[in-house]
Amino acid sequence: MKSMESKDNDKSQPSMACEPCEGPRYPYGLRICLNQESIEALGISKMPQVGDVMNVMATAKVVSVSQSEMESGKMYGSIDLQIVEMGVEKKGKEKTADSSKLYK
């Protein structure tokens, strides 16, 4: 897998008032947001903690966890994952995914 961290963060020009600010750490579009339906479909029964790492055929860091209870008593949750490493491979007829290598 390859790191997806931006090599040249867009840094603001320094001013007399503050230190230079860093731009986003990862490019736009590399965050996955899972809604309650997706969480249930993936079989996630216990919400992770911010900072936990999950493998999603890429390595992703949990950057936000939200859980709330509706008036009806139904729970609703969401998890935001930031992809930090990713690999791509051309899909071929002769190659199939080896799940023992994908999940630890």
N, C-alpha and C. Protein backbone atom coordinates (compact mmCIF):
# COMPACT_ATOMS: atom_id res chain seq x y z
N MET A 1 0.85 -1.19 0.00
CA MET A 1 0.00 0.00 0.00
C MET A 1 0.88 1.24 0.00
N LYS A 2 0.35 2.31 -0.51
CA LYS A 2 1.07 3.57 -0.61
C LYS A 2 0.40 4.62 0.27
N SER A 3 1.20 5.48 0.89
CA SER A 3 0.66 6.58 1.69
C SER A 3 -0.09 7.55 0.79
N MET A 4 -1.24 8.02 1.22
CA MET A 4 -2.05 8.96 0.45
C MET A 4 -1.90 10.38 0.97
N GLU A 5 -0.99 10.60 1.93
CA GLU A 5 -0.78 11.93 2.50
C GLU A 5 -0.23 12.87 1.43
N SER A 6 -0.76 14.10 1.40
CA SER A 6 -0.30 15.10 0.44
C SER A 6 1.17 15.41 0.68
N LYS A 7 1.92 15.47 -0.38
CA LYS A 7 3.36 15.76 -0.28
C LYS A 7 3.61 17.24 -0.08
N ASP A 8 2.85 18.08 -0.77
CA ASP A 8 3.06 19.53 -0.66
C ASP A 8 1.77 20.18 -0.16
N ASN A 9 1.61 20.16 1.18
CA ASN A 9 0.44 20.81 1.78
C ASN A 9 0.40 22.27 1.37
N ASP A 10 -0.78 22.76 1.06
CA ASP A 10 -0.97 24.16 0.67
C ASP A 10 -0.82 25.03 1.91
N LYS A 11 0.33 25.63 2.07
CA LYS A 11 0.58 26.47 3.26
C LYS A 11 0.27 27.92 2.94
N SER A 12 -0.42 28.56 3.86
CA SER A 12 -0.74 29.97 3.70
C SER A 12 0.54 30.80 3.81
N GLN A 13 0.52 31.97 3.22
CA GLN A 13 1.66 32.87 3.34
C GLN A 13 1.76 33.35 4.79
N PRO A 14 2.94 33.37 5.35
CA PRO A 14 3.06 33.83 6.73
C PRO A 14 2.72 35.32 6.85
N SER A 15 2.12 35.64 7.95
CA SER A 15 1.82 37.04 8.22
C SER A 15 2.41 37.38 9.58
N MET A 16 2.32 38.63 9.94
CA MET A 16 2.86 39.05 11.24
C MET A 16 1.99 38.56 12.38
N ALA A 17 0.72 38.21 12.09
CA ALA A 17 -0.22 37.84 13.14
C ALA A 17 -0.12 36.39 13.57
N CYS A 18 0.29 35.48 12.66
CA CYS A 18 0.29 34.07 13.05
C CYS A 18 1.33 33.28 12.26
N GLU A 19 1.54 32.05 12.69
CA GLU A 19 2.44 31.12 12.02
C GLU A 19 1.77 30.64 10.73
N PRO A 20 2.55 30.13 9.77
CA PRO A 20 1.94 29.57 8.56
C PRO A 20 1.00 28.43 8.91
N CYS A 21 -0.12 28.37 8.22
CA CYS A 21 -1.13 27.33 8.46
C CYS A 21 -0.94 26.22 7.44
N GLU A 22 -1.15 25.00 7.85
CA GLU A 22 -1.05 23.87 6.94
C GLU A 22 -2.38 23.64 6.26
N GLY A 23 -2.33 23.16 5.03
CA GLY A 23 -3.53 22.78 4.30
C GLY A 23 -3.99 21.41 4.75
N PRO A 24 -4.94 20.84 4.04
CA PRO A 24 -5.43 19.51 4.41
C PRO A 24 -4.32 18.46 4.32
N ARG A 25 -4.35 17.50 5.21
CA ARG A 25 -3.32 16.48 5.26
C ARG A 25 -3.47 15.46 4.13
N TYR A 26 -4.72 15.20 3.71
CA TYR A 26 -5.01 14.25 2.65
C TYR A 26 -5.86 14.92 1.59
N PRO A 27 -5.74 14.51 0.32
CA PRO A 27 -6.52 15.13 -0.76
C PRO A 27 -8.03 14.93 -0.59
N TYR A 28 -8.79 15.83 -1.20
CA TYR A 28 -10.24 15.76 -1.17
C TYR A 28 -10.71 14.43 -1.77
N GLY A 29 -11.72 13.86 -1.19
CA GLY A 29 -12.32 12.65 -1.74
C GLY A 29 -11.82 11.36 -1.13
N LEU A 30 -10.89 11.45 -0.18
CA LEU A 30 -10.36 10.23 0.43
C LEU A 30 -10.96 9.95 1.80
N ARG A 31 -12.11 10.54 2.09
CA ARG A 31 -12.79 10.27 3.35
C ARG A 31 -14.07 9.48 3.05
N ILE A 32 -14.33 8.47 3.82
CA ILE A 32 -15.53 7.65 3.68
C ILE A 32 -16.46 7.96 4.84
N CYS A 33 -17.71 8.26 4.54
CA CYS A 33 -18.71 8.52 5.57
C CYS A 33 -19.74 7.41 5.54
N LEU A 34 -19.85 6.68 6.63
CA LEU A 34 -20.79 5.58 6.72
C LEU A 34 -22.02 6.01 7.51
N ASN A 35 -23.21 5.83 6.94
CA ASN A 35 -24.43 6.14 7.69
C ASN A 35 -24.86 4.89 8.46
N GLN A 36 -25.93 5.00 9.22
CA GLN A 36 -26.37 3.89 10.08
C GLN A 36 -26.64 2.63 9.27
N GLU A 37 -27.27 2.77 8.11
CA GLU A 37 -27.56 1.62 7.26
C GLU A 37 -26.26 0.90 6.85
N SER A 38 -25.24 1.67 6.47
CA SER A 38 -23.95 1.10 6.07
C SER A 38 -23.25 0.45 7.26
N ILE A 39 -23.33 1.07 8.42
CA ILE A 39 -22.72 0.52 9.63
C ILE A 39 -23.32 -0.85 9.93
N GLU A 40 -24.65 -0.93 9.85
CA GLU A 40 -25.33 -2.20 10.11
C GLU A 40 -24.99 -3.24 9.05
N ALA A 41 -24.94 -2.83 7.77
CA ALA A 41 -24.63 -3.75 6.67
C ALA A 41 -23.22 -4.33 6.82
N LEU A 42 -22.30 -3.55 7.37
CA LEU A 42 -20.92 -4.01 7.57
C LEU A 42 -20.77 -4.85 8.84
N GLY A 43 -21.83 -4.95 9.63
CA GLY A 43 -21.78 -5.76 10.84
C GLY A 43 -21.05 -5.11 11.99
N ILE A 44 -20.96 -3.77 11.99
CA ILE A 44 -20.31 -3.06 13.09
C ILE A 44 -21.32 -2.93 14.22
N SER A 45 -21.09 -3.67 15.30
CA SER A 45 -22.05 -3.66 16.41
C SER A 45 -21.63 -2.72 17.53
N LYS A 46 -20.34 -2.41 17.62
CA LYS A 46 -19.83 -1.50 18.64
C LYS A 46 -19.11 -0.37 17.93
N MET A 47 -19.48 0.88 18.23
CA MET A 47 -18.87 2.03 17.58
C MET A 47 -17.38 2.11 17.95
N PRO A 48 -16.52 2.37 16.96
CA PRO A 48 -15.09 2.49 17.24
C PRO A 48 -14.79 3.81 17.92
N GLN A 49 -13.56 3.96 18.34
CA GLN A 49 -13.11 5.23 18.94
C GLN A 49 -12.35 6.02 17.89
N VAL A 50 -12.40 7.35 17.99
CA VAL A 50 -11.61 8.20 17.10
C VAL A 50 -10.14 7.83 17.27
N GLY A 51 -9.44 7.62 16.17
CA GLY A 51 -8.04 7.22 16.19
C GLY A 51 -7.84 5.74 15.92
N ASP A 52 -8.91 4.92 16.06
CA ASP A 52 -8.81 3.51 15.72
C ASP A 52 -8.49 3.39 14.24
N VAL A 53 -7.83 2.32 13.84
CA VAL A 53 -7.49 2.08 12.44
C VAL A 53 -8.28 0.87 11.95
N MET A 54 -8.87 1.00 10.76
CA MET A 54 -9.65 -0.08 10.16
C MET A 54 -9.11 -0.35 8.76
N ASN A 55 -9.11 -1.61 8.34
CA ASN A 55 -8.70 -1.96 6.99
C ASN A 55 -9.93 -2.02 6.08
N VAL A 56 -9.85 -1.32 4.96
CA VAL A 56 -10.94 -1.24 3.99
C VAL A 56 -10.31 -1.43 2.60
N MET A 57 -9.55 -2.50 2.39
CA MET A 57 -8.76 -2.67 1.19
C MET A 57 -7.91 -1.42 0.99
N ALA A 58 -7.77 -0.73 2.05
CA ALA A 58 -6.96 0.47 2.20
C ALA A 58 -6.87 0.61 3.71
N THR A 59 -5.99 1.44 4.18
CA THR A 59 -5.95 1.69 5.62
C THR A 59 -6.60 3.03 5.87
N ALA A 60 -7.55 3.04 6.80
CA ALA A 60 -8.29 4.25 7.10
C ALA A 60 -8.26 4.51 8.60
N LYS A 61 -8.20 5.80 8.95
CA LYS A 61 -8.21 6.21 10.36
C LYS A 61 -9.59 6.76 10.68
N VAL A 62 -10.16 6.37 11.81
CA VAL A 62 -11.44 6.90 12.26
C VAL A 62 -11.20 8.35 12.68
N VAL A 63 -11.87 9.31 12.02
CA VAL A 63 -11.67 10.72 12.34
C VAL A 63 -12.89 11.35 13.00
N SER A 64 -14.03 10.67 12.94
CA SER A 64 -15.22 11.20 13.59
C SER A 64 -16.19 10.07 13.88
N VAL A 65 -16.77 10.08 15.07
CA VAL A 65 -17.79 9.12 15.46
C VAL A 65 -18.92 9.92 16.09
N SER A 66 -20.13 9.65 15.63
CA SER A 66 -21.29 10.35 16.16
C SER A 66 -22.40 9.33 16.44
N GLN A 67 -23.04 9.48 17.58
CA GLN A 67 -24.15 8.59 17.90
C GLN A 67 -25.18 9.41 18.66
N SER A 68 -26.44 9.25 18.23
CA SER A 68 -27.50 9.97 18.92
C SER A 68 -28.74 9.09 19.01
N GLU A 69 -29.60 9.45 19.94
CA GLU A 69 -30.84 8.71 20.14
C GLU A 69 -32.00 9.60 19.72
N MET A 70 -32.88 9.05 18.90
CA MET A 70 -34.06 9.78 18.43
C MET A 70 -35.13 9.75 19.52
N GLU A 71 -36.14 10.62 19.39
CA GLU A 71 -37.24 10.64 20.36
C GLU A 71 -37.90 9.28 20.49
N SER A 72 -37.96 8.56 19.40
CA SER A 72 -38.58 7.23 19.39
C SER A 72 -37.75 6.20 20.14
N GLY A 73 -36.51 6.56 20.51
CA GLY A 73 -35.63 5.65 21.20
C GLY A 73 -34.68 4.93 20.26
N LYS A 74 -34.86 5.09 18.94
CA LYS A 74 -33.98 4.46 17.97
C LYS A 74 -32.63 5.17 17.97
N MET A 75 -31.56 4.38 17.93
CA MET A 75 -30.22 4.92 17.90
C MET A 75 -29.81 5.18 16.45
N TYR A 76 -29.05 6.25 16.23
CA TYR A 76 -28.52 6.57 14.91
C TYR A 76 -27.05 6.90 15.08
N GLY A 77 -26.24 6.38 14.20
CA GLY A 77 -24.81 6.66 14.31
C GLY A 77 -24.19 6.92 12.96
N SER A 78 -22.99 7.48 12.98
CA SER A 78 -22.20 7.67 11.77
C SER A 78 -20.73 7.58 12.12
N ILE A 79 -19.93 7.15 11.15
CA ILE A 79 -18.49 7.02 11.32
C ILE A 79 -17.84 7.63 10.09
N ASP A 80 -16.86 8.51 10.28
CA ASP A 80 -16.09 9.06 9.16
C ASP A 80 -14.70 8.45 9.19
N LEU A 81 -14.28 7.92 8.05
CA LEU A 81 -12.97 7.30 7.92
C LEU A 81 -12.13 8.11 6.94
N GLN A 82 -10.89 8.40 7.31
CA GLN A 82 -9.95 9.09 6.43
C GLN A 82 -9.00 8.05 5.85
N ILE A 83 -9.01 7.87 4.54
CA ILE A 83 -8.09 6.92 3.91
C ILE A 83 -6.68 7.51 4.01
N VAL A 84 -5.77 6.73 4.61
CA VAL A 84 -4.40 7.21 4.78
C VAL A 84 -3.41 6.43 3.92
N GLU A 85 -3.74 5.20 3.56
CA GLU A 85 -2.93 4.40 2.66
C GLU A 85 -3.85 3.62 1.74
N MET A 86 -3.43 3.45 0.49
CA MET A 86 -4.28 2.74 -0.44
C MET A 86 -3.42 2.12 -1.52
N GLY A 87 -3.83 0.99 -2.01
CA GLY A 87 -3.17 0.35 -3.12
C GLY A 87 -4.21 0.00 -4.17
N VAL A 88 -3.82 0.03 -5.41
CA VAL A 88 -4.73 -0.36 -6.48
C VAL A 88 -4.05 -1.42 -7.32
N GLU A 89 -4.85 -2.28 -7.87
CA GLU A 89 -4.33 -3.36 -8.67
C GLU A 89 -5.33 -3.64 -9.77
N LYS A 90 -4.85 -3.83 -10.97
CA LYS A 90 -5.74 -4.13 -12.07
C LYS A 90 -6.42 -5.46 -11.81
N LYS A 91 -7.73 -5.47 -11.95
CA LYS A 91 -8.49 -6.68 -11.72
C LYS A 91 -8.32 -7.60 -12.93
N GLY A 92 -7.90 -8.82 -12.68
CA GLY A 92 -7.70 -9.78 -13.76
C GLY A 92 -8.50 -11.03 -13.51
N LYS A 93 -8.82 -11.74 -14.56
CA LYS A 93 -9.61 -12.96 -14.42
C LYS A 93 -8.87 -14.03 -13.62
N GLU A 94 -7.54 -14.05 -13.76
CA GLU A 94 -6.76 -15.08 -13.08
C GLU A 94 -6.48 -14.76 -11.62
N LYS A 95 -6.67 -13.52 -11.21
CA LYS A 95 -6.38 -13.15 -9.83
C LYS A 95 -7.67 -13.00 -9.03
N THR A 96 -7.66 -13.53 -7.80
CA THR A 96 -8.78 -13.33 -6.89
C THR A 96 -8.21 -12.84 -5.57
N ALA A 97 -9.00 -12.11 -4.82
CA ALA A 97 -8.54 -11.56 -3.55
C ALA A 97 -8.35 -12.67 -2.54
N ASP A 98 -7.25 -12.65 -1.84
CA ASP A 98 -6.97 -13.58 -0.76
C ASP A 98 -7.34 -12.87 0.53
N SER A 99 -8.49 -13.25 1.13
CA SER A 99 -8.97 -12.53 2.30
C SER A 99 -8.01 -12.63 3.48
N SER A 100 -7.16 -13.66 3.55
CA SER A 100 -6.21 -13.75 4.66
C SER A 100 -5.18 -12.64 4.59
N LYS A 101 -4.93 -12.09 3.39
CA LYS A 101 -3.99 -10.99 3.24
C LYS A 101 -4.68 -9.64 3.43
N LEU A 102 -6.00 -9.59 3.24
CA LEU A 102 -6.73 -8.33 3.34
C LEU A 102 -7.11 -7.98 4.77
N TYR A 103 -7.39 -8.97 5.59
CA TYR A 103 -7.87 -8.71 6.95
C TYR A 103 -6.91 -9.28 7.96
N LYS A 104 -6.60 -8.48 8.96
CA LYS A 104 -5.67 -8.93 10.01
C LYS A 104 -6.40 -9.19 11.29
